[in-house]
Amino acid sequence: MKPNIGELRKKYMDNPPEGMTSKDIRNMSEDELLDMDYFLNEDDLFNDEAGVEDFYIF
């Protein structure tokens, strides 16, 4: 599933990540934008797995 690049670009242009400007976002390729979004939201990927963190079977 490929997110709508236009919506993603607008999201980050309206509120650019720290150290970036709207112009930086505007000039990014689709792949760069998707990579940035993935890494900025990487921690959110596993939030729905309750109890997984610090769970070990010995």
PDB file of N, CA and C in Angstrom:
ATOM      1  N   MET A   1       0.846  -1.178   0.000  1.00  0.00           N
ATOM      2  CA  MET A   1       0.000   0.000   0.000  1.00  0.00           C
ATOM      3  C   MET A   1       0.890   1.240   0.000  1.00  0.00           C
ATOM      4  N   LYS A   2       0.778   2.049  -1.001  1.00  0.00           N
ATOM      5  CA  LYS A   2       1.580   3.251  -1.124  1.00  0.00           C
ATOM      6  C   LYS A   2       0.749   4.453  -0.662  1.00  0.00           C
ATOM      7  N   PRO A   3       1.236   5.178   0.345  1.00  0.00           N
ATOM      8  CA  PRO A   3       0.483   6.331   0.825  1.00  0.00           C
ATOM      9  C   PRO A   3       0.416   7.425  -0.236  1.00  0.00           C
ATOM     10  N   ASN A   4      -0.555   8.286  -0.088  1.00  0.00           N
ATOM     11  CA  ASN A   4      -0.690   9.398  -1.008  1.00  0.00           C
ATOM     12  C   ASN A   4       0.475  10.366  -0.784  1.00  0.00           C
ATOM     13  N   ILE A   5       1.363  10.416  -1.753  1.00  0.00           N
ATOM     14  CA  ILE A   5       2.583  11.227  -1.637  1.00  0.00           C
ATOM     15  C   ILE A   5       2.246  12.705  -1.460  1.00  0.00           C
ATOM     16  N   GLY A   6       1.229  13.174  -2.159  1.00  0.00           N
ATOM     17  CA  GLY A   6       0.843  14.582  -2.053  1.00  0.00           C
ATOM     18  C   GLY A   6       0.436  14.956  -0.634  1.00  0.00           C
ATOM     19  N   GLU A   7      -0.350  14.088  -0.001  1.00  0.00           N
ATOM     20  CA  GLU A   7      -0.779  14.348   1.379  1.00  0.00           C
ATOM     21  C   GLU A   7       0.403  14.288   2.336  1.00  0.00           C
ATOM     22  N   LEU A   8       1.278  13.326   2.115  1.00  0.00           N
ATOM     23  CA  LEU A   8       2.459  13.177   2.956  1.00  0.00           C
ATOM     24  C   LEU A   8       3.384  14.392   2.818  1.00  0.00           C
ATOM     25  N   ARG A   9       3.581  14.840   1.593  1.00  0.00           N
ATOM     26  CA  ARG A   9       4.432  16.014   1.348  1.00  0.00           C
ATOM     27  C   ARG A   9       3.840  17.248   2.025  1.00  0.00           C
ATOM     28  N   LYS A  10       2.517  17.428   1.901  1.00  0.00           N
ATOM     29  CA  LYS A  10       1.850  18.584   2.514  1.00  0.00           C
ATOM     30  C   LYS A  10       1.980  18.530   4.037  1.00  0.00           C
ATOM     31  N   LYS A  11       1.808  17.332   4.603  1.00  0.00           N
ATOM     32  CA  LYS A  11       1.939  17.156   6.058  1.00  0.00           C
ATOM     33  C   LYS A  11       3.295  17.650   6.545  1.00  0.00           C
ATOM     34  N   TYR A  12       4.358  17.247   5.851  1.00  0.00           N
ATOM     35  CA  TYR A  12       5.700  17.623   6.290  1.00  0.00           C
ATOM     36  C   TYR A  12       6.083  19.038   5.866  1.00  0.00           C
ATOM     37  N   MET A  13       5.479  19.571   4.828  1.00  0.00           N
ATOM     38  CA  MET A  13       5.749  20.966   4.457  1.00  0.00           C
ATOM     39  C   MET A  13       5.097  21.914   5.464  1.00  0.00           C
ATOM     40  N   ASP A  14       3.897  21.547   5.955  1.00  0.00           N
ATOM     41  CA  ASP A  14       3.210  22.368   6.950  1.00  0.00           C
ATOM     42  C   ASP A  14       3.915  22.332   8.302  1.00  0.00           C
ATOM     43  N   ASN A  15       4.539  21.209   8.601  1.00  0.00           N
ATOM     44  CA  ASN A  15       5.223  21.048   9.885  1.00  0.00           C
ATOM     45  C   ASN A  15       6.499  20.242   9.656  1.00  0.00           C
ATOM     46  N   PRO A  16       7.537  20.887   9.104  1.00  0.00           N
ATOM     47  CA  PRO A  16       8.775  20.157   8.782  1.00  0.00           C
ATOM     48  C   PRO A  16       9.481  19.634  10.027  1.00  0.00           C
ATOM     49  N   PRO A  17      10.126  18.483   9.906  1.00  0.00           N
ATOM     50  CA  PRO A  17      10.901  17.950  11.030  1.00  0.00           C
ATOM     51  C   PRO A  17      12.034  18.906  11.414  1.00  0.00           C
ATOM     52  N   GLU A  18      12.494  18.788  12.628  1.00  0.00           N
ATOM     53  CA  GLU A  18      13.571  19.643  13.125  1.00  0.00           C
ATOM     54  C   GLU A  18      14.786  19.553  12.211  1.00  0.00           C
ATOM     55  N   GLY A  19      15.325  20.707  11.859  1.00  0.00           N
ATOM     56  CA  GLY A  19      16.507  20.756  11.012  1.00  0.00           C
ATOM     57  C   GLY A  19      16.200  20.815   9.523  1.00  0.00           C
ATOM     58  N   MET A  20      14.917  20.795   9.164  1.00  0.00           N
ATOM     59  CA  MET A  20      14.531  20.845   7.750  1.00  0.00           C
ATOM     60  C   MET A  20      13.612  22.033   7.528  1.00  0.00           C
ATOM     61  N   THR A  21      13.490  22.424   6.271  1.00  0.00           N
ATOM     62  CA  THR A  21      12.576  23.501   5.902  1.00  0.00           C
ATOM     63  C   THR A  21      11.543  22.959   4.924  1.00  0.00           C
ATOM     64  N   SER A  22      10.506  23.743   4.696  1.00  0.00           N
ATOM     65  CA  SER A  22       9.481  23.361   3.724  1.00  0.00           C
ATOM     66  C   SER A  22      10.091  23.188   2.341  1.00  0.00           C
ATOM     67  N   LYS A  23      11.091  24.012   2.033  1.00  0.00           N
ATOM     68  CA  LYS A  23      11.758  23.915   0.733  1.00  0.00           C
ATOM     69  C   LYS A  23      12.480  22.572   0.598  1.00  0.00           C
ATOM     70  N   ASP A  24      13.105  22.107   1.686  1.00  0.00           N
ATOM     71  CA  ASP A  24      13.770  20.799   1.667  1.00  0.00           C
ATOM     72  C   ASP A  24      12.764  19.700   1.338  1.00  0.00           C
ATOM     73  N   ILE A  25      11.618  19.757   1.971  1.00  0.00           N
ATOM     74  CA  ILE A  25      10.575  18.755   1.757  1.00  0.00           C
ATOM     75  C   ILE A  25      10.073  18.813   0.323  1.00  0.00           C
ATOM     76  N   ARG A  26       9.878  20.017  -0.178  1.00  0.00           N
ATOM     77  CA  ARG A  26       9.376  20.212  -1.554  1.00  0.00           C
ATOM     78  C   ARG A  26      10.323  19.597  -2.580  1.00  0.00           C
ATOM     79  N   ASN A  27      11.624  19.638  -2.310  1.00  0.00           N
ATOM     80  CA  ASN A  27      12.622  19.156  -3.255  1.00  0.00           C
ATOM     81  C   ASN A  27      12.963  17.669  -3.100  1.00  0.00           C
ATOM     82  N   MET A  28      12.349  16.999  -2.138  1.00  0.00           N
ATOM     83  CA  MET A  28      12.641  15.580  -1.914  1.00  0.00           C
ATOM     84  C   MET A  28      11.947  14.713  -2.962  1.00  0.00           C
ATOM     85  N   SER A  29      12.609  13.612  -3.322  1.00  0.00           N
ATOM     86  CA  SER A  29      11.974  12.644  -4.217  1.00  0.00           C
ATOM     87  C   SER A  29      10.928  11.870  -3.411  1.00  0.00           C
ATOM     88  N   GLU A  30      10.068  11.137  -4.114  1.00  0.00           N
ATOM     89  CA  GLU A  30       9.056  10.332  -3.436  1.00  0.00           C
ATOM     90  C   GLU A  30       9.711   9.307  -2.517  1.00  0.00           C
ATOM     91  N   ASP A  31      10.763   8.669  -2.979  1.00  0.00           N
ATOM     92  CA  ASP A  31      11.453   7.665  -2.165  1.00  0.00           C
ATOM     93  C   ASP A  31      12.062   8.277  -0.915  1.00  0.00           C
ATOM     94  N   GLU A  32      12.668   9.441  -1.044  1.00  0.00           N
ATOM     95  CA  GLU A  32      13.258  10.116   0.111  1.00  0.00           C
ATOM     96  C   GLU A  32      12.176  10.479   1.130  1.00  0.00           C
ATOM     97  N   LEU A  33      11.040  10.951   0.620  1.00  0.00           N
ATOM     98  CA  LEU A  33       9.929  11.335   1.492  1.00  0.00           C
ATOM     99  C   LEU A  33       9.382  10.115   2.243  1.00  0.00           C
ATOM    100  N   LEU A  34       9.213   9.011   1.534  1.00  0.00           N
ATOM    101  CA  LEU A  34       8.724   7.785   2.170  1.00  0.00           C
ATOM    102  C   LEU A  34       9.719   7.255   3.196  1.00  0.00           C
ATOM    103  N   ASP A  35      11.010   7.312   2.881  1.00  0.00           N
ATOM    104  CA  ASP A  35      12.038   6.874   3.828  1.00  0.00           C
ATOM    105  C   ASP A  35      12.017   7.732   5.086  1.00  0.00           C
ATOM    106  N   MET A  36      11.919   9.047   4.908  1.00  0.00           N
ATOM    107  CA  MET A  36      11.889   9.951   6.046  1.00  0.00           C
ATOM    108  C   MET A  36      10.672   9.655   6.914  1.00  0.00           C
ATOM    109  N   ASP A  37       9.515   9.480   6.296  1.00  0.00           N
ATOM    110  CA  ASP A  37       8.292   9.192   7.038  1.00  0.00           C
ATOM    111  C   ASP A  37       8.432   7.881   7.809  1.00  0.00           C
ATOM    112  N   TYR A  38       9.001   6.882   7.174  1.00  0.00           N
ATOM    113  CA  TYR A  38       9.191   5.589   7.836  1.00  0.00           C
ATOM    114  C   TYR A  38      10.066   5.738   9.082  1.00  0.00           C
ATOM    115  N   PHE A  39      11.197   6.403   8.945  1.00  0.00           N
ATOM    116  CA  PHE A  39      12.115   6.528  10.078  1.00  0.00           C
ATOM    117  C   PHE A  39      11.582   7.447  11.174  1.00  0.00           C
ATOM    118  N   LEU A  40      10.786   8.448  10.811  1.00  0.00           N
ATOM    119  CA  LEU A  40      10.198   9.318  11.829  1.00  0.00           C
ATOM    120  C   LEU A  40       9.106   8.595  12.611  1.00  0.00           C
ATOM    121  N   ASN A  41       8.477   7.602  11.995  1.00  0.00           N
ATOM    122  CA  ASN A  41       7.374   6.891  12.632  1.00  0.00           C
ATOM    123  C   ASN A  41       7.723   5.450  12.971  1.00  0.00           C
ATOM    124  N   GLU A  42       8.992   5.119  12.925  1.00  0.00           N
ATOM    125  CA  GLU A  42       9.439   3.743  13.144  1.00  0.00           C
ATOM    126  C   GLU A  42       8.998   3.202  14.501  1.00  0.00           C
ATOM    127  N   ASP A  43       9.049   4.006  15.549  1.00  0.00           N
ATOM    128  CA  ASP A  43       8.659   3.553  16.879  1.00  0.00           C
ATOM    129  C   ASP A  43       7.174   3.227  16.967  1.00  0.00           C
ATOM    130  N   ASP A  44       6.351   3.854  16.138  1.00  0.00           N
ATOM    131  CA  ASP A  44       4.906   3.633  16.157  1.00  0.00           C
ATOM    132  C   ASP A  44       4.515   2.295  15.542  1.00  0.00           C
ATOM    133  N   LEU A  45       5.414   1.655  14.814  1.00  0.00           N
ATOM    134  CA  LEU A  45       5.073   0.421  14.109  1.00  0.00           C
ATOM    135  C   LEU A  45       4.701  -0.715  15.044  1.00  0.00           C
ATOM    136  N   PHE A  46       5.273  -0.744  16.238  1.00  0.00           N
ATOM    137  CA  PHE A  46       5.059  -1.872  17.137  1.00  0.00           C
ATOM    138  C   PHE A  46       4.281  -1.497  18.390  1.00  0.00           C
ATOM    139  N   ASN A  47       3.672  -0.333  18.423  1.00  0.00           N
ATOM    140  CA  ASN A  47       2.915   0.093  19.600  1.00  0.00           C
ATOM    141  C   ASN A  47       1.702  -0.777  19.862  1.00  0.00           C
ATOM    142  N   ASP A  48       1.163  -1.443  18.860  1.00  0.00           N
ATOM    143  CA  ASP A  48      -0.032  -2.250  19.051  1.00  0.00           C
ATOM    144  C   ASP A  48       0.288  -3.643  19.595  1.00  0.00           C
ATOM    145  N   GLU A  49       1.537  -3.963  19.800  1.00  0.00           N
ATOM    146  CA  GLU A  49       1.934  -5.264  20.331  1.00  0.00           C
ATOM    147  C   GLU A  49       2.134  -5.152  21.839  1.00  0.00           C
ATOM    148  N   ALA A  50       1.023  -5.159  22.562  1.00  0.00           N
ATOM    149  CA  ALA A  50       1.054  -4.989  24.017  1.00  0.00           C
ATOM    150  C   ALA A  50       1.835  -6.112  24.681  1.00  0.00           C
ATOM    151  N   GLY A  51       2.696  -5.743  25.597  1.00  0.00           N
ATOM    152  CA  GLY A  51       3.431  -6.718  26.383  1.00  0.00           C
ATOM    153  C   GLY A  51       4.621  -7.345  25.690  1.00  0.00           C
ATOM    154  N   VAL A  52       4.942  -6.937  24.485  1.00  0.00           N
ATOM    155  CA  VAL A  52       6.055  -7.547  23.769  1.00  0.00           C
ATOM    156  C   VAL A  52       7.391  -7.018  24.282  1.00  0.00           C
ATOM    157  N   GLU A  53       7.433  -5.762  24.616  1.00  0.00           N
ATOM    158  CA  GLU A  53       8.679  -5.168  25.085  1.00  0.00           C
ATOM    159  C   GLU A  53       9.094  -5.784  26.415  1.00  0.00           C
ATOM    160  N   ASP A  54      10.346  -6.127  26.553  1.00  0.00           N
ATOM    161  CA  ASP A  54      10.900  -6.716  27.761  1.00  0.00           C
ATOM    162  C   ASP A  54      10.255  -8.047  28.120  1.00  0.00           C
ATOM    163  N   PHE A  55       9.798  -8.790  27.173  1.00  0.00           N
ATOM    164  CA  PHE A  55       9.192 -10.097  27.427  1.00  0.00           C
ATOM    165  C   PHE A  55      10.142 -11.175  26.940  1.00  0.00           C
ATOM    166  N   TYR A  56      10.565 -12.023  27.843  1.00  0.00           N
ATOM    167  CA  TYR A  56      11.535 -13.059  27.490  1.00  0.00           C
ATOM    168  C   TYR A  56      11.032 -14.411  27.963  1.00  0.00           C
ATOM    169  N   ILE A  57      11.329 -15.447  27.207  1.00  0.00           N
ATOM    170  CA  ILE A  57      11.010 -16.809  27.605  1.00  0.00           C
ATOM    171  C   ILE A  57      12.322 -17.529  27.866  1.00  0.00           C
ATOM    172  N   PHE A  58      12.452 -18.077  29.053  1.00  0.00           N
ATOM    173  CA  PHE A  58      13.676 -18.785  29.421  1.00  0.00           C
ATOM    174  C   PHE A  58      13.399 -20.252  29.544  1.00  0.00           C
TER     175      PHE A  58
END
